[in-house]
N, C-alpha and C. Protein backbone atom coordinates (compact mmCIF):
# COMPACT_ATOMS: atom_id res chain seq x y z
N MET A 1 0.85 -1.17 0.00
CA MET A 1 0.00 0.00 0.00
C MET A 1 0.89 1.23 0.00
N ALA A 2 0.65 2.11 -0.93
CA ALA A 2 1.46 3.32 -1.05
C ALA A 2 0.80 4.45 -0.28
N TYR A 3 1.60 5.18 0.47
CA TYR A 3 1.11 6.33 1.22
C TYR A 3 1.35 7.59 0.41
N PRO A 4 0.41 8.55 0.49
CA PRO A 4 0.62 9.80 -0.27
C PRO A 4 1.77 10.59 0.32
N PRO A 5 2.39 11.41 -0.49
CA PRO A 5 3.49 12.22 0.03
C PRO A 5 2.97 13.20 1.09
N PRO A 6 3.84 13.62 2.02
CA PRO A 6 3.40 14.55 3.07
C PRO A 6 2.82 15.83 2.45
N GLY A 7 1.74 16.30 3.03
CA GLY A 7 1.12 17.52 2.56
C GLY A 7 -0.02 17.28 1.58
N TYR A 8 -0.23 16.04 1.18
CA TYR A 8 -1.30 15.72 0.26
C TYR A 8 -2.26 14.74 0.93
N GLY A 9 -3.44 14.64 0.39
CA GLY A 9 -4.37 13.63 0.87
C GLY A 9 -5.10 13.99 2.15
N GLY A 10 -5.25 15.25 2.45
CA GLY A 10 -6.05 15.64 3.60
C GLY A 10 -5.27 15.77 4.90
N TYR A 11 -3.97 15.58 4.84
CA TYR A 11 -3.19 15.75 6.06
C TYR A 11 -2.91 17.24 6.27
N PRO A 12 -3.18 17.76 7.47
CA PRO A 12 -2.94 19.19 7.69
C PRO A 12 -1.45 19.51 7.71
N GLN A 13 -1.14 20.63 7.16
CA GLN A 13 0.24 21.10 7.18
C GLN A 13 0.57 21.68 8.54
N GLN A 14 1.68 21.33 9.07
CA GLN A 14 2.13 21.88 10.34
C GLN A 14 3.03 23.08 10.05
N GLY A 15 2.57 24.26 10.49
CA GLY A 15 3.35 25.47 10.27
C GLY A 15 4.40 25.64 11.36
N TYR A 16 5.14 26.68 11.23
CA TYR A 16 6.14 27.00 12.22
C TYR A 16 5.54 27.89 13.27
N GLY A 17 6.04 27.84 14.46
CA GLY A 17 5.53 28.67 15.54
C GLY A 17 4.57 27.89 16.42
N PRO A 18 4.03 28.55 17.42
CA PRO A 18 3.15 27.86 18.36
C PRO A 18 1.81 27.51 17.71
N VAL A 19 1.23 26.44 18.17
CA VAL A 19 -0.08 26.03 17.69
C VAL A 19 -1.14 26.89 18.38
N GLN A 20 -2.10 27.39 17.59
CA GLN A 20 -3.14 28.23 18.17
C GLN A 20 -4.06 27.40 19.05
N GLN A 21 -4.46 28.01 20.15
CA GLN A 21 -5.41 27.38 21.06
C GLN A 21 -6.44 28.41 21.47
N GLU A 22 -7.56 27.93 22.00
CA GLU A 22 -8.58 28.85 22.46
C GLU A 22 -8.22 29.37 23.84
N HIS A 23 -8.51 30.66 24.05
CA HIS A 23 -8.30 31.22 25.38
C HIS A 23 -9.29 30.54 26.32
N PRO A 24 -8.84 30.13 27.51
CA PRO A 24 -9.73 29.36 28.39
C PRO A 24 -10.99 30.12 28.84
N GLN A 25 -10.96 31.44 28.83
CA GLN A 25 -12.11 32.20 29.30
C GLN A 25 -12.88 32.86 28.16
N GLY A 26 -12.52 32.61 26.93
CA GLY A 26 -13.15 33.27 25.80
C GLY A 26 -14.65 33.02 25.71
N THR A 27 -15.05 31.77 25.81
CA THR A 27 -16.47 31.44 25.73
C THR A 27 -17.23 31.97 26.94
N THR A 28 -16.62 31.90 28.12
CA THR A 28 -17.26 32.42 29.33
C THR A 28 -17.53 33.91 29.21
N ILE A 29 -16.57 34.64 28.70
CA ILE A 29 -16.71 36.10 28.54
C ILE A 29 -17.84 36.40 27.55
N LEU A 30 -17.89 35.66 26.45
CA LEU A 30 -18.94 35.88 25.47
C LEU A 30 -20.32 35.58 26.05
N VAL A 31 -20.45 34.47 26.79
CA VAL A 31 -21.73 34.11 27.40
C VAL A 31 -22.14 35.16 28.43
N LEU A 32 -21.20 35.61 29.27
CA LEU A 32 -21.52 36.64 30.26
C LEU A 32 -21.96 37.93 29.58
N GLY A 33 -21.29 38.30 28.50
CA GLY A 33 -21.64 39.51 27.78
C GLY A 33 -23.03 39.45 27.19
N ILE A 34 -23.37 38.31 26.59
CA ILE A 34 -24.70 38.16 25.99
C ILE A 34 -25.76 38.13 27.09
N LEU A 35 -25.52 37.39 28.16
CA LEU A 35 -26.48 37.32 29.26
C LEU A 35 -26.67 38.68 29.92
N SER A 36 -25.61 39.48 29.96
CA SER A 36 -25.74 40.80 30.58
C SER A 36 -26.68 41.70 29.78
N LEU A 37 -26.75 41.50 28.47
CA LEU A 37 -27.66 42.28 27.64
C LEU A 37 -29.08 41.73 27.67
N VAL A 38 -29.22 40.43 27.75
CA VAL A 38 -30.52 39.79 27.59
C VAL A 38 -31.21 39.56 28.93
N VAL A 39 -30.48 39.08 29.93
CA VAL A 39 -31.11 38.62 31.16
C VAL A 39 -30.83 39.54 32.34
N CYS A 40 -29.57 39.75 32.65
CA CYS A 40 -29.21 40.44 33.89
C CYS A 40 -28.05 41.41 33.64
N GLY A 41 -28.33 42.69 33.72
CA GLY A 41 -27.32 43.71 33.46
C GLY A 41 -26.18 43.71 34.47
N LEU A 42 -26.39 43.08 35.64
CA LEU A 42 -25.33 43.04 36.64
C LEU A 42 -24.14 42.19 36.21
N LEU A 43 -24.31 41.38 35.18
CA LEU A 43 -23.20 40.57 34.67
C LEU A 43 -22.28 41.37 33.76
N GLY A 44 -22.74 42.54 33.31
CA GLY A 44 -21.96 43.36 32.39
C GLY A 44 -20.59 43.75 32.89
N PRO A 45 -20.48 44.28 34.12
CA PRO A 45 -19.14 44.63 34.60
C PRO A 45 -18.19 43.44 34.69
N PHE A 46 -18.73 42.26 35.01
CA PHE A 46 -17.87 41.07 35.07
C PHE A 46 -17.34 40.71 33.69
N ALA A 47 -18.21 40.77 32.69
CA ALA A 47 -17.77 40.47 31.32
C ALA A 47 -16.75 41.50 30.85
N TRP A 48 -16.96 42.75 31.22
CA TRP A 48 -16.05 43.83 30.81
C TRP A 48 -14.68 43.63 31.44
N VAL A 49 -14.63 43.39 32.74
CA VAL A 49 -13.34 43.24 33.44
C VAL A 49 -12.63 41.97 32.97
N MET A 50 -13.36 40.87 32.88
CA MET A 50 -12.74 39.63 32.42
C MET A 50 -12.26 39.77 30.98
N GLY A 51 -13.02 40.49 30.16
CA GLY A 51 -12.63 40.73 28.77
C GLY A 51 -11.38 41.57 28.66
N ASN A 52 -11.26 42.57 29.52
CA ASN A 52 -10.04 43.40 29.52
C ASN A 52 -8.81 42.57 29.88
N LYS A 53 -8.96 41.71 30.89
CA LYS A 53 -7.83 40.88 31.31
C LYS A 53 -7.44 39.89 30.21
N ALA A 54 -8.44 39.25 29.62
CA ALA A 54 -8.17 38.29 28.55
C ALA A 54 -7.59 38.97 27.31
N LYS A 55 -8.07 40.17 27.00
CA LYS A 55 -7.53 40.92 25.86
C LYS A 55 -6.07 41.25 26.07
N ALA A 56 -5.71 41.61 27.31
CA ALA A 56 -4.31 41.89 27.61
C ALA A 56 -3.46 40.63 27.43
N GLU A 57 -4.00 39.48 27.81
CA GLU A 57 -3.27 38.22 27.62
C GLU A 57 -3.12 37.88 26.14
N VAL A 58 -4.17 38.13 25.37
CA VAL A 58 -4.10 37.87 23.93
C VAL A 58 -3.10 38.82 23.27
N ASP A 59 -3.12 40.10 23.67
CA ASP A 59 -2.20 41.07 23.09
C ASP A 59 -0.75 40.79 23.49
N ALA A 60 -0.54 40.19 24.66
CA ALA A 60 0.81 39.89 25.11
C ALA A 60 1.44 38.76 24.30
N ARG A 61 0.61 37.86 23.78
CA ARG A 61 1.11 36.73 22.98
C ARG A 61 0.31 36.62 21.70
N PRO A 62 0.57 37.52 20.73
CA PRO A 62 -0.22 37.52 19.49
C PRO A 62 -0.04 36.21 18.72
N GLY A 63 -1.13 35.76 18.15
CA GLY A 63 -1.09 34.55 17.34
C GLY A 63 -1.27 33.27 18.12
N LEU A 64 -1.30 33.34 19.45
CA LEU A 64 -1.42 32.12 20.24
C LEU A 64 -2.86 31.69 20.41
N TYR A 65 -3.78 32.66 20.54
CA TYR A 65 -5.17 32.34 20.81
C TYR A 65 -6.01 32.53 19.55
N SER A 66 -6.94 31.60 19.34
CA SER A 66 -7.75 31.64 18.13
C SER A 66 -9.12 32.28 18.34
N ASN A 67 -9.52 32.54 19.58
CA ASN A 67 -10.87 33.05 19.82
C ASN A 67 -10.86 34.48 20.35
N ALA A 68 -10.00 35.31 19.81
CA ALA A 68 -9.95 36.71 20.22
C ALA A 68 -11.24 37.44 19.86
N GLY A 69 -11.92 37.00 18.83
CA GLY A 69 -13.20 37.61 18.44
C GLY A 69 -14.27 37.40 19.50
N ASN A 70 -14.31 36.21 20.09
CA ASN A 70 -15.27 35.95 21.17
C ASN A 70 -15.00 36.86 22.36
N ILE A 71 -13.74 37.05 22.68
CA ILE A 71 -13.36 37.90 23.81
C ILE A 71 -13.79 39.34 23.53
N THR A 72 -13.52 39.81 22.33
CA THR A 72 -13.89 41.18 21.97
C THR A 72 -15.40 41.37 21.99
N ALA A 73 -16.14 40.42 21.45
CA ALA A 73 -17.60 40.53 21.42
C ALA A 73 -18.18 40.52 22.82
N GLY A 74 -17.71 39.63 23.68
CA GLY A 74 -18.19 39.57 25.05
C GLY A 74 -17.84 40.82 25.83
N ARG A 75 -16.64 41.33 25.58
CA ARG A 75 -16.20 42.57 26.25
C ARG A 75 -17.07 43.75 25.84
N ILE A 76 -17.37 43.88 24.57
CA ILE A 76 -18.20 44.99 24.09
C ILE A 76 -19.63 44.85 24.61
N CYS A 77 -20.17 43.64 24.63
CA CYS A 77 -21.50 43.44 25.21
C CYS A 77 -21.51 43.82 26.68
N GLY A 78 -20.43 43.48 27.39
CA GLY A 78 -20.32 43.86 28.80
C GLY A 78 -20.25 45.36 28.98
N MET A 79 -19.54 46.04 28.09
CA MET A 79 -19.46 47.50 28.15
C MET A 79 -20.83 48.13 27.95
N VAL A 80 -21.54 47.67 26.92
CA VAL A 80 -22.85 48.22 26.61
C VAL A 80 -23.81 47.98 27.78
N ALA A 81 -23.82 46.76 28.32
CA ALA A 81 -24.70 46.44 29.43
C ALA A 81 -24.36 47.27 30.67
N THR A 82 -23.07 47.51 30.91
CA THR A 82 -22.67 48.31 32.06
C THR A 82 -23.12 49.76 31.90
N ILE A 83 -22.97 50.30 30.71
CA ILE A 83 -23.40 51.68 30.47
C ILE A 83 -24.92 51.80 30.62
N ILE A 84 -25.65 50.83 30.11
CA ILE A 84 -27.11 50.83 30.27
C ILE A 84 -27.47 50.73 31.75
N LEU A 85 -26.78 49.88 32.49
CA LEU A 85 -27.02 49.72 33.93
C LEU A 85 -26.79 51.03 34.67
N ILE A 86 -25.71 51.73 34.33
CA ILE A 86 -25.42 53.02 34.98
C ILE A 86 -26.50 54.04 34.65
N LEU A 87 -26.93 54.08 33.39
CA LEU A 87 -27.99 55.02 33.00
C LEU A 87 -29.30 54.72 33.73
N VAL A 88 -29.63 53.46 33.89
CA VAL A 88 -30.86 53.08 34.61
C VAL A 88 -30.76 53.49 36.07
N ILE A 89 -29.60 53.26 36.69
CA ILE A 89 -29.42 53.65 38.10
C ILE A 89 -29.55 55.16 38.26
N VAL A 90 -28.93 55.92 37.35
CA VAL A 90 -29.02 57.38 37.41
C VAL A 90 -30.47 57.82 37.20
N PHE A 91 -31.18 57.19 36.27
CA PHE A 91 -32.57 57.53 36.00
C PHE A 91 -33.44 57.32 37.24
N TYR A 92 -33.28 56.15 37.88
CA TYR A 92 -34.06 55.88 39.10
C TYR A 92 -33.66 56.79 40.24
N ALA A 93 -32.39 57.13 40.33
CA ALA A 93 -31.95 58.07 41.38
C ALA A 93 -32.58 59.44 41.17
N LEU A 94 -32.67 59.89 39.92
CA LEU A 94 -33.31 61.18 39.63
C LEU A 94 -34.81 61.14 39.96
N ILE A 95 -35.47 60.07 39.59
CA ILE A 95 -36.89 59.94 39.90
C ILE A 95 -37.10 59.94 41.41
N PHE A 96 -36.28 59.18 42.11
CA PHE A 96 -36.39 59.12 43.57
C PHE A 96 -36.11 60.48 44.19
N GLY A 97 -35.10 61.16 43.67
CA GLY A 97 -34.77 62.49 44.17
C GLY A 97 -35.88 63.49 43.92
N PHE A 98 -36.45 63.47 42.72
CA PHE A 98 -37.57 64.38 42.42
C PHE A 98 -38.80 64.04 43.26
N ALA A 99 -39.02 62.78 43.53
CA ALA A 99 -40.16 62.39 44.36
C ALA A 99 -40.00 62.91 45.78
N ILE A 100 -38.79 62.85 46.31
CA ILE A 100 -38.54 63.35 47.67
C ILE A 100 -38.70 64.87 47.69
N ILE A 101 -38.14 65.54 46.70
CA ILE A 101 -38.25 67.02 46.65
C ILE A 101 -39.71 67.41 46.46
N GLY A 102 -40.44 66.72 45.60
CA GLY A 102 -41.83 67.03 45.36
C GLY A 102 -42.71 66.81 46.58
N SER A 103 -42.43 65.76 47.31
CA SER A 103 -43.25 65.48 48.49
C SER A 103 -42.94 66.44 49.65
N SER A 104 -41.72 66.93 49.73
CA SER A 104 -41.38 67.84 50.82
C SER A 104 -41.86 69.28 50.53
N THR A 105 -41.97 69.66 49.27
CA THR A 105 -42.42 71.01 48.95
C THR A 105 -43.95 71.12 48.91
N SER A 106 -44.65 69.99 48.74
CA SER A 106 -46.09 70.05 48.64
C SER A 106 -46.78 70.06 50.02
N THR A 107 -46.06 69.79 51.07
CA THR A 107 -46.69 69.78 52.40
C THR A 107 -46.62 71.12 53.07
């Protein structure tokens, strides 16, 4: 039985340099980011902070991790959810403040 020459017949070529691997927290960051937008905004800061840390690790060793897109997407979702959370807190604080001022001036 004759074997095909290396590089032919569906065998993957092995390049030079480190083999790419997935960042261990990439999927977690993406899931937290999506959940922070859809279910619970309190998860947004966690996705943002974890995404920043993972992004720094990816930037420190370029070409090592294959799921940098997941990290970026989860980080951005976490940022958006955190900003929305802050705006909602400020909105409720203003309503509460106006309610207190309104009730004290009407008596």
